[in-house]
Amino acid sequence: MFKSPLFRRVGIYLVLSTAAVTVVNQLEIEQQSAYQIYIPMFIGIYIVSRWLDSRFNQASQQQASQQPQPNAEQNLTIHNGTRFWTVR
């Protein structure tokens, strides 16, 4: 999905909060009592978004671990941020 965890978290929170605000606005409640719904709702959205982010993170880590590893006769050398493969 997203390469950066920050963008992934913001995207999840943005989608969930937009959907929730739309639903609450359709309820036509009085604006004076809206905080009683919005405060617990946004706390719940934060918790759900962190849970979803952890699921996406687990999936991306599993996907990264399934990528092919270099065979036993190759070594990876990193020098100043540049990767070099040495074959023996």
Foldseek 3Di string as FASTA:
>chain_A
DDPDLVVLLVVQLVVQVVVVVVVLVVVPDDPVCVCVVVPVSSVVSNVVSVVVSVVVVVVVVVVVVPPDDDDPQWDWDADPNDIDIDGD
